[in-house]
Amino acid sequence: FILISISILISVAFYTLLERKILSYIQARKGPNKVGFLGILQPFSDAIKLFNKNLLSLEITNFTLSYITPSLSLFISLCIIPIIMFNFSSVIDIKHNMLMFFILSSMSVYFILLIGWSTNSKYCHLGSIRSVAQMISYEVPFFMVILYLVLLSQSYSFTQMEESQKTLYFFYGNLLLFLIW
């Protein structure tokens, strides 16, 4: 589990590098190419730079919540990994995997709201409320897609959904859901 979590975090860093490279080529420039061969070590350089930054804290800030909440948000995101299927099996295979996935992915909203509230600044709090409203508005069509998949497979389990696709692929109904998403 730990090896899978670390490899997923590293792959996210390299997906960010790929995104930066593609956006730079769209803008007719080279993109990150200073660190390593063709900029391949840029995510590690960015991580080192991030950890070396000085944190600016106000006197009215709740330090405990401000420092613990981002790690709790990362912990919730890492708790989703055992639920997701890798190589036709998952680490935690329970009857209601889909509901657990949706609940855990929705929990990050509370941590963003808590970070904005813990700064005791009205502008940070308004920014976090705006971010939460945006995340909730994206969860509604996401839930509609999940509801459609649950109705087709008649189960909340990922393994049951995979087995029900052997007779009818869910791709055909997802063309309509593509327009909703």
N, C-alpha and C. Protein backbone atom coordinates (compact mmCIF):
# COMPACT_ATOMS: atom_id res chain seq x y z
N PHE A 1 0.82 -1.20 0.00
CA PHE A 1 0.00 0.00 0.00
C PHE A 1 0.86 1.26 0.00
N ILE A 2 1.92 1.26 0.81
CA ILE A 2 2.79 2.43 0.89
C ILE A 2 3.52 2.65 -0.43
N LEU A 3 3.97 1.57 -1.05
CA LEU A 3 4.66 1.68 -2.34
C LEU A 3 3.71 2.22 -3.42
N ILE A 4 2.47 1.77 -3.41
CA ILE A 4 1.49 2.27 -4.37
C ILE A 4 1.23 3.76 -4.13
N SER A 5 1.11 4.15 -2.87
CA SER A 5 0.84 5.56 -2.55
C SER A 5 1.99 6.46 -3.00
N ILE A 6 3.21 6.03 -2.74
CA ILE A 6 4.37 6.83 -3.13
C ILE A 6 4.48 6.92 -4.65
N SER A 7 4.25 5.81 -5.33
CA SER A 7 4.34 5.85 -6.79
C SER A 7 3.23 6.71 -7.40
N ILE A 8 2.06 6.73 -6.80
CA ILE A 8 0.98 7.60 -7.30
C ILE A 8 1.34 9.07 -7.08
N LEU A 9 1.90 9.41 -5.93
CA LEU A 9 2.29 10.79 -5.67
C LEU A 9 3.39 11.25 -6.63
N ILE A 10 4.35 10.37 -6.92
CA ILE A 10 5.41 10.73 -7.87
C ILE A 10 4.84 10.86 -9.28
N SER A 11 3.90 9.98 -9.65
CA SER A 11 3.32 10.09 -10.99
C SER A 11 2.51 11.36 -11.15
N VAL A 12 1.87 11.83 -10.08
CA VAL A 12 1.15 13.10 -10.15
C VAL A 12 2.14 14.24 -10.41
N ALA A 13 3.31 14.17 -9.80
CA ALA A 13 4.33 15.20 -10.05
C ALA A 13 4.75 15.21 -11.52
N PHE A 14 4.90 14.04 -12.09
CA PHE A 14 5.31 13.99 -13.49
C PHE A 14 4.17 14.33 -14.44
N TYR A 15 2.92 14.08 -14.05
CA TYR A 15 1.79 14.55 -14.85
C TYR A 15 1.73 16.08 -14.85
N THR A 16 2.08 16.67 -13.72
CA THR A 16 2.16 18.13 -13.66
C THR A 16 3.25 18.65 -14.59
N LEU A 17 4.38 17.95 -14.62
CA LEU A 17 5.46 18.32 -15.54
C LEU A 17 4.99 18.20 -16.99
N LEU A 18 4.27 17.13 -17.32
CA LEU A 18 3.75 16.97 -18.67
C LEU A 18 2.78 18.09 -19.02
N GLU A 19 1.93 18.46 -18.06
CA GLU A 19 0.99 19.56 -18.30
C GLU A 19 1.74 20.86 -18.56
N ARG A 20 2.77 21.12 -17.79
CA ARG A 20 3.55 22.34 -17.98
C ARG A 20 4.26 22.35 -19.32
N LYS A 21 4.76 21.19 -19.74
CA LYS A 21 5.42 21.09 -21.05
C LYS A 21 4.44 21.34 -22.18
N ILE A 22 3.25 20.74 -22.10
CA ILE A 22 2.26 20.92 -23.16
C ILE A 22 1.80 22.37 -23.23
N LEU A 23 1.55 22.97 -22.07
CA LEU A 23 1.12 24.37 -22.07
C LEU A 23 2.22 25.30 -22.59
N SER A 24 3.48 24.95 -22.34
CA SER A 24 4.56 25.79 -22.86
C SER A 24 4.69 25.65 -24.37
N TYR A 25 4.49 24.47 -24.90
CA TYR A 25 4.55 24.31 -26.36
C TYR A 25 3.37 24.99 -27.04
N ILE A 26 2.23 25.05 -26.38
CA ILE A 26 1.10 25.79 -26.93
C ILE A 26 1.43 27.28 -27.02
N GLN A 27 2.20 27.77 -26.04
CA GLN A 27 2.58 29.18 -26.02
C GLN A 27 3.88 29.44 -26.76
N ALA A 28 4.38 28.45 -27.51
CA ALA A 28 5.59 28.57 -28.33
C ALA A 28 6.84 28.89 -27.50
N ARG A 29 7.02 28.17 -26.41
CA ARG A 29 8.24 28.26 -25.61
C ARG A 29 8.60 26.86 -25.15
N LYS A 30 9.76 26.70 -24.54
CA LYS A 30 10.26 25.36 -24.23
C LYS A 30 9.71 24.77 -22.95
N GLY A 31 9.33 25.58 -22.01
CA GLY A 31 8.83 25.05 -20.75
C GLY A 31 9.97 24.78 -19.78
N PRO A 32 9.70 24.04 -18.70
CA PRO A 32 10.75 23.78 -17.72
C PRO A 32 11.82 22.87 -18.31
N ASN A 33 13.05 23.40 -18.43
CA ASN A 33 14.14 22.60 -18.99
C ASN A 33 15.47 22.85 -18.29
N LYS A 34 15.44 23.46 -17.14
CA LYS A 34 16.69 23.82 -16.45
C LYS A 34 17.25 22.69 -15.59
N VAL A 35 16.38 21.96 -14.90
CA VAL A 35 16.82 20.97 -13.93
C VAL A 35 16.82 19.59 -14.57
N GLY A 36 17.99 18.99 -14.68
CA GLY A 36 18.08 17.66 -15.26
C GLY A 36 18.01 17.69 -16.78
N PHE A 37 17.99 16.53 -17.37
CA PHE A 37 17.91 16.40 -18.83
C PHE A 37 16.50 16.72 -19.29
N LEU A 38 16.36 17.78 -20.10
CA LEU A 38 15.07 18.26 -20.61
C LEU A 38 14.08 18.59 -19.49
N GLY A 39 14.56 18.94 -18.31
CA GLY A 39 13.69 19.33 -17.22
C GLY A 39 13.01 18.18 -16.51
N ILE A 40 13.56 16.96 -16.62
CA ILE A 40 12.89 15.79 -16.05
C ILE A 40 12.92 15.79 -14.52
N LEU A 41 13.85 16.50 -13.93
CA LEU A 41 13.92 16.56 -12.46
C LEU A 41 13.22 17.80 -11.89
N GLN A 42 12.48 18.50 -12.71
CA GLN A 42 11.80 19.71 -12.26
C GLN A 42 10.80 19.48 -11.13
N PRO A 43 10.01 18.39 -11.12
CA PRO A 43 9.09 18.18 -9.98
C PRO A 43 9.81 18.05 -8.64
N PHE A 44 10.98 17.42 -8.64
CA PHE A 44 11.73 17.29 -7.38
C PHE A 44 12.31 18.63 -6.96
N SER A 45 12.74 19.42 -7.92
CA SER A 45 13.22 20.77 -7.61
C SER A 45 12.10 21.63 -7.04
N ASP A 46 10.91 21.50 -7.61
CA ASP A 46 9.77 22.26 -7.10
C ASP A 46 9.40 21.83 -5.68
N ALA A 47 9.51 20.52 -5.41
CA ALA A 47 9.19 20.03 -4.06
C ALA A 47 10.20 20.55 -3.04
N ILE A 48 11.47 20.56 -3.38
CA ILE A 48 12.50 21.07 -2.47
C ILE A 48 12.29 22.56 -2.23
N LYS A 49 11.96 23.29 -3.29
CA LYS A 49 11.70 24.72 -3.15
C LYS A 49 10.47 24.98 -2.28
N LEU A 50 9.47 24.13 -2.42
CA LEU A 50 8.25 24.29 -1.61
C LEU A 50 8.53 24.07 -0.13
N PHE A 51 9.34 23.06 0.19
CA PHE A 51 9.61 22.77 1.60
C PHE A 51 10.58 23.77 2.23
N ASN A 52 11.34 24.49 1.41
CA ASN A 52 12.27 25.48 1.94
C ASN A 52 11.67 26.86 2.11
N LYS A 53 10.43 27.05 1.71
CA LYS A 53 9.81 28.36 1.82
C LYS A 53 9.51 28.70 3.28
N ASN A 54 9.61 29.96 3.59
CA ASN A 54 9.23 30.43 4.92
C ASN A 54 7.73 30.63 4.97
N LEU A 55 7.13 30.21 6.04
CA LEU A 55 5.69 30.37 6.21
C LEU A 55 5.41 31.68 6.93
N LEU A 56 4.56 32.48 6.34
CA LEU A 56 4.16 33.74 6.93
C LEU A 56 2.89 33.51 7.73
N SER A 57 2.96 33.73 9.02
CA SER A 57 1.81 33.49 9.89
C SER A 57 1.44 34.76 10.63
N LEU A 58 0.17 35.02 10.69
CA LEU A 58 -0.31 36.17 11.44
C LEU A 58 -0.55 35.76 12.89
N GLU A 59 -0.67 36.75 13.75
CA GLU A 59 -0.89 36.47 15.16
C GLU A 59 -2.28 35.89 15.42
N ILE A 60 -3.23 36.22 14.56
CA ILE A 60 -4.60 35.75 14.77
C ILE A 60 -4.85 34.37 14.16
N THR A 61 -3.86 33.81 13.49
CA THR A 61 -4.02 32.52 12.83
C THR A 61 -4.01 31.39 13.86
N ASN A 62 -4.87 30.42 13.66
CA ASN A 62 -4.88 29.22 14.48
C ASN A 62 -3.82 28.27 13.90
N PHE A 63 -2.65 28.22 14.51
CA PHE A 63 -1.51 27.49 13.95
C PHE A 63 -1.76 25.99 13.86
N THR A 64 -2.40 25.43 14.85
CA THR A 64 -2.62 23.98 14.87
C THR A 64 -3.46 23.54 13.68
N LEU A 65 -4.57 24.20 13.47
CA LEU A 65 -5.44 23.83 12.34
C LEU A 65 -4.78 24.15 11.01
N SER A 66 -4.04 25.24 10.93
CA SER A 66 -3.41 25.62 9.67
C SER A 66 -2.36 24.62 9.24
N TYR A 67 -1.68 23.98 10.18
CA TYR A 67 -0.63 23.03 9.82
C TYR A 67 -1.14 21.59 9.71
N ILE A 68 -2.17 21.24 10.46
CA ILE A 68 -2.65 19.86 10.44
C ILE A 68 -3.65 19.61 9.30
N THR A 69 -4.44 20.60 8.94
CA THR A 69 -5.50 20.41 7.95
C THR A 69 -5.00 19.98 6.57
N PRO A 70 -3.93 20.54 6.01
CA PRO A 70 -3.46 20.03 4.71
C PRO A 70 -3.01 18.57 4.76
N SER A 71 -2.38 18.17 5.86
CA SER A 71 -1.97 16.77 5.96
C SER A 71 -3.18 15.85 6.11
N LEU A 72 -4.23 16.31 6.79
CA LEU A 72 -5.46 15.52 6.88
C LEU A 72 -6.13 15.38 5.52
N SER A 73 -6.08 16.44 4.73
CA SER A 73 -6.65 16.39 3.38
C SER A 73 -5.88 15.40 2.51
N LEU A 74 -4.56 15.39 2.62
CA LEU A 74 -3.75 14.41 1.89
C LEU A 74 -4.03 13.00 2.39
N PHE A 75 -4.24 12.84 3.69
CA PHE A 75 -4.55 11.53 4.25
C PHE A 75 -5.87 10.98 3.70
N ILE A 76 -6.87 11.84 3.59
CA ILE A 76 -8.16 11.41 3.03
C ILE A 76 -7.99 11.00 1.57
N SER A 77 -7.19 11.76 0.83
CA SER A 77 -6.94 11.40 -0.57
C SER A 77 -6.20 10.08 -0.68
N LEU A 78 -5.30 9.81 0.24
CA LEU A 78 -4.58 8.54 0.22
C LEU A 78 -5.45 7.38 0.70
N CYS A 79 -6.49 7.68 1.46
CA CYS A 79 -7.42 6.62 1.89
C CYS A 79 -8.27 6.10 0.74
N ILE A 80 -8.37 6.87 -0.34
CA ILE A 80 -9.14 6.44 -1.50
C ILE A 80 -8.39 5.36 -2.28
N ILE A 81 -7.08 5.34 -2.21
CA ILE A 81 -6.27 4.43 -3.03
C ILE A 81 -6.59 2.95 -2.80
N PRO A 82 -6.76 2.47 -1.56
CA PRO A 82 -7.08 1.04 -1.40
C PRO A 82 -8.44 0.64 -1.95
N ILE A 83 -9.33 1.59 -2.13
CA ILE A 83 -10.66 1.28 -2.64
C ILE A 83 -10.64 1.06 -4.15
N ILE A 84 -9.77 1.82 -4.85
CA ILE A 84 -9.72 1.75 -6.31
C ILE A 84 -9.10 0.43 -6.74
N MET A 85 -9.62 -0.12 -7.82
CA MET A 85 -9.14 -1.42 -8.31
C MET A 85 -7.86 -1.26 -9.12
N PHE A 86 -6.87 -2.06 -8.80
CA PHE A 86 -5.65 -2.18 -9.59
C PHE A 86 -5.49 -3.64 -9.96
N ASN A 87 -5.34 -3.94 -11.23
CA ASN A 87 -5.17 -5.32 -11.72
C ASN A 87 -6.32 -6.22 -11.28
N PHE A 88 -7.54 -5.76 -11.47
CA PHE A 88 -8.77 -6.51 -11.22
C PHE A 88 -9.00 -6.87 -9.76
N SER A 89 -8.34 -6.19 -8.84
CA SER A 89 -8.60 -6.40 -7.42
C SER A 89 -8.27 -5.12 -6.66
N SER A 90 -8.89 -4.97 -5.52
CA SER A 90 -8.59 -3.82 -4.68
C SER A 90 -8.18 -4.32 -3.30
N VAL A 91 -7.47 -3.48 -2.57
CA VAL A 91 -7.00 -3.86 -1.23
C VAL A 91 -8.20 -4.01 -0.30
N ILE A 92 -9.13 -3.07 -0.36
CA ILE A 92 -10.35 -3.12 0.44
C ILE A 92 -11.51 -3.38 -0.52
N ASP A 93 -12.05 -4.56 -0.48
CA ASP A 93 -13.15 -4.92 -1.37
C ASP A 93 -14.39 -5.19 -0.53
N ILE A 94 -15.18 -4.17 -0.34
CA ILE A 94 -16.40 -4.30 0.44
C ILE A 94 -17.61 -4.15 -0.49
N LYS A 95 -18.76 -4.31 0.07
CA LYS A 95 -19.98 -4.30 -0.72
C LYS A 95 -20.32 -2.92 -1.29
N HIS A 96 -19.92 -1.87 -0.59
CA HIS A 96 -20.30 -0.50 -0.98
C HIS A 96 -19.06 0.34 -1.28
N ASN A 97 -18.19 -0.14 -2.16
CA ASN A 97 -16.99 0.60 -2.53
C ASN A 97 -17.30 1.95 -3.16
N MET A 98 -18.30 1.98 -4.02
CA MET A 98 -18.62 3.21 -4.74
C MET A 98 -19.09 4.30 -3.78
N LEU A 99 -19.90 3.96 -2.81
CA LEU A 99 -20.34 4.95 -1.83
C LEU A 99 -19.17 5.44 -0.97
N MET A 100 -18.31 4.52 -0.60
CA MET A 100 -17.15 4.91 0.20
C MET A 100 -16.22 5.83 -0.60
N PHE A 101 -16.06 5.53 -1.89
CA PHE A 101 -15.25 6.39 -2.76
C PHE A 101 -15.85 7.78 -2.86
N PHE A 102 -17.15 7.85 -3.05
CA PHE A 102 -17.80 9.16 -3.18
C PHE A 102 -17.75 9.94 -1.88
N ILE A 103 -17.95 9.29 -0.76
CA ILE A 103 -17.91 9.98 0.53
C ILE A 103 -16.51 10.50 0.83
N LEU A 104 -15.49 9.67 0.59
CA LEU A 104 -14.12 10.12 0.86
C LEU A 104 -13.68 11.23 -0.08
N SER A 105 -14.12 11.16 -1.34
CA SER A 105 -13.73 12.23 -2.26
C SER A 105 -14.48 13.53 -1.94
N SER A 106 -15.62 13.45 -1.29
CA SER A 106 -16.36 14.65 -0.91
C SER A 106 -15.85 15.25 0.41
N MET A 107 -15.07 14.51 1.16
CA MET A 107 -14.59 14.99 2.46
C MET A 107 -13.58 16.13 2.35
N SER A 108 -12.91 16.26 1.21
CA SER A 108 -11.89 17.31 1.08
C SER A 108 -12.50 18.71 1.14
N VAL A 109 -13.79 18.82 0.88
CA VAL A 109 -14.48 20.10 0.97
C VAL A 109 -14.39 20.66 2.39
N TYR A 110 -14.56 19.81 3.36
CA TYR A 110 -14.54 20.27 4.75
C TYR A 110 -13.15 20.75 5.16
N PHE A 111 -12.11 20.12 4.65
CA PHE A 111 -10.76 20.54 5.01
C PHE A 111 -10.41 21.88 4.37
N ILE A 112 -10.88 22.12 3.16
CA ILE A 112 -10.64 23.43 2.54
C ILE A 112 -11.37 24.52 3.31
N LEU A 113 -12.59 24.23 3.72
CA LEU A 113 -13.34 25.19 4.53
C LEU A 113 -12.66 25.43 5.88
N LEU A 114 -12.10 24.38 6.46
CA LEU A 114 -11.42 24.49 7.75
C LEU A 114 -10.12 25.30 7.63
N ILE A 115 -9.41 25.17 6.52
CA ILE A 115 -8.20 25.96 6.32
C ILE A 115 -8.54 27.44 6.23
N GLY A 116 -9.58 27.77 5.47
CA GLY A 116 -9.98 29.17 5.36
C GLY A 116 -10.46 29.75 6.68
N TRP A 117 -11.14 28.93 7.46
CA TRP A 117 -11.64 29.41 8.75
C TRP A 117 -10.51 29.57 9.76
N SER A 118 -9.51 28.70 9.70
CA SER A 118 -8.45 28.72 10.71
C SER A 118 -7.51 29.91 10.56
N THR A 119 -7.51 30.57 9.41
CA THR A 119 -6.63 31.73 9.26
C THR A 119 -7.17 32.98 9.96
N ASN A 120 -8.44 32.98 10.31
CA ASN A 120 -9.11 34.12 10.94
C ASN A 120 -9.01 35.39 10.08
N SER A 121 -8.96 35.19 8.77
CA SER A 121 -8.96 36.30 7.83
C SER A 121 -10.21 36.19 6.97
N LYS A 122 -10.91 37.30 6.83
CA LYS A 122 -12.17 37.23 6.08
C LYS A 122 -11.93 36.94 4.61
N TYR A 123 -10.80 37.36 4.04
CA TYR A 123 -10.54 37.11 2.63
C TYR A 123 -10.17 35.64 2.38
N CYS A 124 -9.41 35.05 3.27
CA CYS A 124 -9.11 33.62 3.14
C CYS A 124 -10.38 32.79 3.31
N HIS A 125 -11.21 33.20 4.24
CA HIS A 125 -12.46 32.47 4.47
C HIS A 125 -13.39 32.59 3.27
N LEU A 126 -13.48 33.78 2.67
CA LEU A 126 -14.30 33.94 1.47
C LEU A 126 -13.75 33.13 0.30
N GLY A 127 -12.42 33.07 0.18
CA GLY A 127 -11.81 32.26 -0.87
C GLY A 127 -12.08 30.78 -0.69
N SER A 128 -12.05 30.33 0.56
CA SER A 128 -12.33 28.91 0.80
C SER A 128 -13.80 28.59 0.55
N ILE A 129 -14.70 29.52 0.88
CA ILE A 129 -16.12 29.30 0.61
C ILE A 129 -16.36 29.25 -0.90
N ARG A 130 -15.67 30.09 -1.64
CA ARG A 130 -15.80 30.07 -3.10
C ARG A 130 -15.28 28.75 -3.66
N SER A 131 -14.16 28.29 -3.15
CA SER A 131 -13.60 27.02 -3.60
C SER A 131 -14.53 25.85 -3.26
N VAL A 132 -15.12 25.88 -2.09
CA VAL A 132 -16.05 24.82 -1.69
C VAL A 132 -17.29 24.84 -2.57
N ALA A 133 -17.80 26.01 -2.89
CA ALA A 133 -18.97 26.10 -3.77
C ALA A 133 -18.65 25.54 -5.15
N GLN A 134 -17.47 25.80 -5.62
CA GLN A 134 -17.05 25.27 -6.93
C GLN A 134 -16.92 23.75 -6.88
N MET A 135 -16.33 23.23 -5.82
CA MET A 135 -16.16 21.78 -5.71
C MET A 135 -17.51 21.07 -5.60
N ILE A 136 -18.44 21.66 -4.86
CA ILE A 136 -19.76 21.04 -4.72
C ILE A 136 -20.51 21.07 -6.05
N SER A 137 -20.33 22.14 -6.82
CA SER A 137 -21.02 22.20 -8.11
C SER A 137 -20.45 21.17 -9.09
N TYR A 138 -19.20 20.77 -8.93
CA TYR A 138 -18.64 19.72 -9.78
C TYR A 138 -19.04 18.33 -9.28
N GLU A 139 -19.40 18.21 -8.02
CA GLU A 139 -19.77 16.90 -7.50
C GLU A 139 -21.16 16.47 -7.96
N VAL A 140 -22.01 17.38 -8.30
CA VAL A 140 -23.37 17.02 -8.73
C VAL A 140 -23.35 16.22 -10.04
N PRO A 141 -22.69 16.70 -11.11
CA PRO A 141 -22.63 15.84 -12.31
C PRO A 141 -21.81 14.57 -12.10
N PHE A 142 -20.82 14.64 -11.22
CA PHE A 142 -20.03 13.45 -10.91
C PHE A 142 -20.92 12.39 -10.25
N PHE A 143 -21.78 12.82 -9.36
CA PHE A 143 -22.70 11.89 -8.72
C PHE A 143 -23.71 11.33 -9.72
N MET A 144 -24.11 12.14 -10.70
CA MET A 144 -25.03 11.66 -11.73
C MET A 144 -24.39 10.55 -12.56
N VAL A 145 -23.12 10.71 -12.88
CA VAL A 145 -22.40 9.67 -13.63
C VAL A 145 -22.30 8.40 -12.79
N ILE A 146 -21.98 8.55 -11.51
CA ILE A 146 -21.88 7.39 -10.63
C ILE A 146 -23.24 6.72 -10.46
N LEU A 147 -24.29 7.51 -10.34
CA LEU A 147 -25.63 6.94 -10.21
C LEU A 147 -26.01 6.12 -11.44
N TYR A 148 -25.63 6.60 -12.62
CA TYR A 148 -25.91 5.85 -13.84
C TYR A 148 -25.16 4.52 -13.85
N LEU A 149 -23.90 4.54 -13.42
CA LEU A 149 -23.13 3.30 -13.39
C LEU A 149 -23.68 2.31 -12.36
N VAL A 150 -24.15 2.84 -11.25
CA VAL A 150 -24.74 1.98 -10.22
C VAL A 150 -26.05 1.36 -10.72
N LEU A 151 -26.84 2.15 -11.43
CA LEU A 151 -28.10 1.62 -11.97
C LEU A 151 -27.86 0.54 -13.02
N LEU A 152 -26.84 0.72 -13.85
CA LEU A 152 -26.56 -0.29 -14.86
C LEU A 152 -26.03 -1.58 -14.26
N SER A 153 -25.16 -1.46 -13.28
CA SER A 153 -24.56 -2.66 -12.70
C SER A 153 -25.39 -3.23 -11.55
N GLN A 154 -26.30 -2.45 -11.00
CA GLN A 154 -27.14 -2.84 -9.87
C GLN A 154 -26.32 -3.24 -8.65
N SER A 155 -25.21 -2.52 -8.46
CA SER A 155 -24.35 -2.80 -7.32
C SER A 155 -23.50 -1.57 -7.01
N TYR A 156 -23.08 -1.47 -5.76
CA TYR A 156 -22.17 -0.41 -5.36
C TYR A 156 -20.72 -0.88 -5.30
N SER A 157 -20.45 -2.09 -5.68
CA SER A 157 -19.11 -2.65 -5.61
C SER A 157 -18.39 -2.48 -6.94
N PHE A 158 -17.11 -2.12 -6.88
CA PHE A 158 -16.32 -1.96 -8.11
C PHE A 158 -16.15 -3.29 -8.83
N THR A 159 -15.94 -4.36 -8.08
CA THR A 159 -15.75 -5.67 -8.73
C THR A 159 -17.03 -6.13 -9.42
N GLN A 160 -18.17 -5.87 -8.80
CA GLN A 160 -19.45 -6.22 -9.42
C GLN A 160 -19.69 -5.38 -10.68
N MET A 161 -19.28 -4.12 -10.64
CA MET A 161 -19.41 -3.28 -11.83
C MET A 161 -18.54 -3.78 -12.97
N GLU A 162 -17.36 -4.23 -12.62
CA GLU A 162 -16.47 -4.76 -13.66
C GLU A 162 -17.03 -6.06 -14.25
N GLU A 163 -17.59 -6.90 -13.42
CA GLU A 163 -18.15 -8.16 -13.92
C GLU A 163 -19.41 -7.92 -14.75
N SER A 164 -20.18 -6.90 -14.43
CA SER A 164 -21.40 -6.64 -15.20
C SER A 164 -21.10 -6.03 -16.56
N GLN A 165 -19.89 -5.54 -16.76
CA GLN A 165 -19.52 -4.99 -18.06
C GLN A 165 -19.09 -6.07 -19.05
N LYS A 166 -19.02 -7.30 -18.63
CA LYS A 166 -18.65 -8.36 -19.56
C LYS A 166 -19.75 -8.62 -20.58
N THR A 167 -21.00 -8.40 -20.18
CA THR A 167 -22.11 -8.61 -21.12
C THR A 167 -22.44 -7.34 -21.90
N LEU A 168 -22.44 -6.18 -21.24
CA LEU A 168 -22.77 -4.91 -21.88
C LEU A 168 -21.80 -3.86 -21.38
N TYR A 169 -21.04 -3.29 -22.33
CA TYR A 169 -20.12 -2.23 -21.94
C TYR A 169 -20.90 -0.98 -21.56
N PHE A 170 -20.45 -0.29 -20.53
CA PHE A 170 -21.13 0.93 -20.08
C PHE A 170 -20.76 2.13 -20.94
N PHE A 171 -19.91 1.93 -21.93
CA PHE A 171 -19.47 3.02 -22.79
C PHE A 171 -20.63 3.63 -23.57
N TYR A 172 -21.57 2.81 -24.00
CA TYR A 172 -22.64 3.30 -24.87
C TYR A 172 -23.55 4.28 -24.15
N GLY A 173 -23.86 4.04 -22.93
CA GLY A 173 -24.68 4.98 -22.17
C GLY A 173 -23.90 6.21 -21.74
N ASN A 174 -22.59 6.10 -21.68
CA ASN A 174 -21.78 7.22 -21.23
C ASN A 174 -21.65 8.31 -22.28
N LEU A 175 -22.05 8.05 -23.51
CA LEU A 175 -22.04 9.11 -24.51
C LEU A 175 -22.99 10.23 -24.11
N LEU A 176 -24.14 9.86 -23.55
CA LEU A 176 -25.08 10.87 -23.05
C LEU A 176 -24.52 11.56 -21.81
N LEU A 177 -23.85 10.80 -20.94
CA LEU A 177 -23.28 11.39 -19.72
C LEU A 177 -22.10 12.30 -20.04
N PHE A 178 -21.46 12.08 -21.17
CA PHE A 178 -20.37 12.96 -21.58
C PHE A 178 -20.87 14.39 -21.75
N LEU A 179 -22.08 14.54 -22.25
CA LEU A 179 -22.64 15.87 -22.42
C LEU A 179 -22.99 16.51 -21.07
N ILE A 180 -23.39 15.69 -20.09
CA ILE A 180 -23.68 16.22 -18.75
C ILE A 180 -22.40 16.67 -18.07
N TRP A 181 -21.35 15.87 -18.21
CA TRP A 181 -20.09 16.16 -17.53
C TRP A 181 -19.46 17.38 -18.12
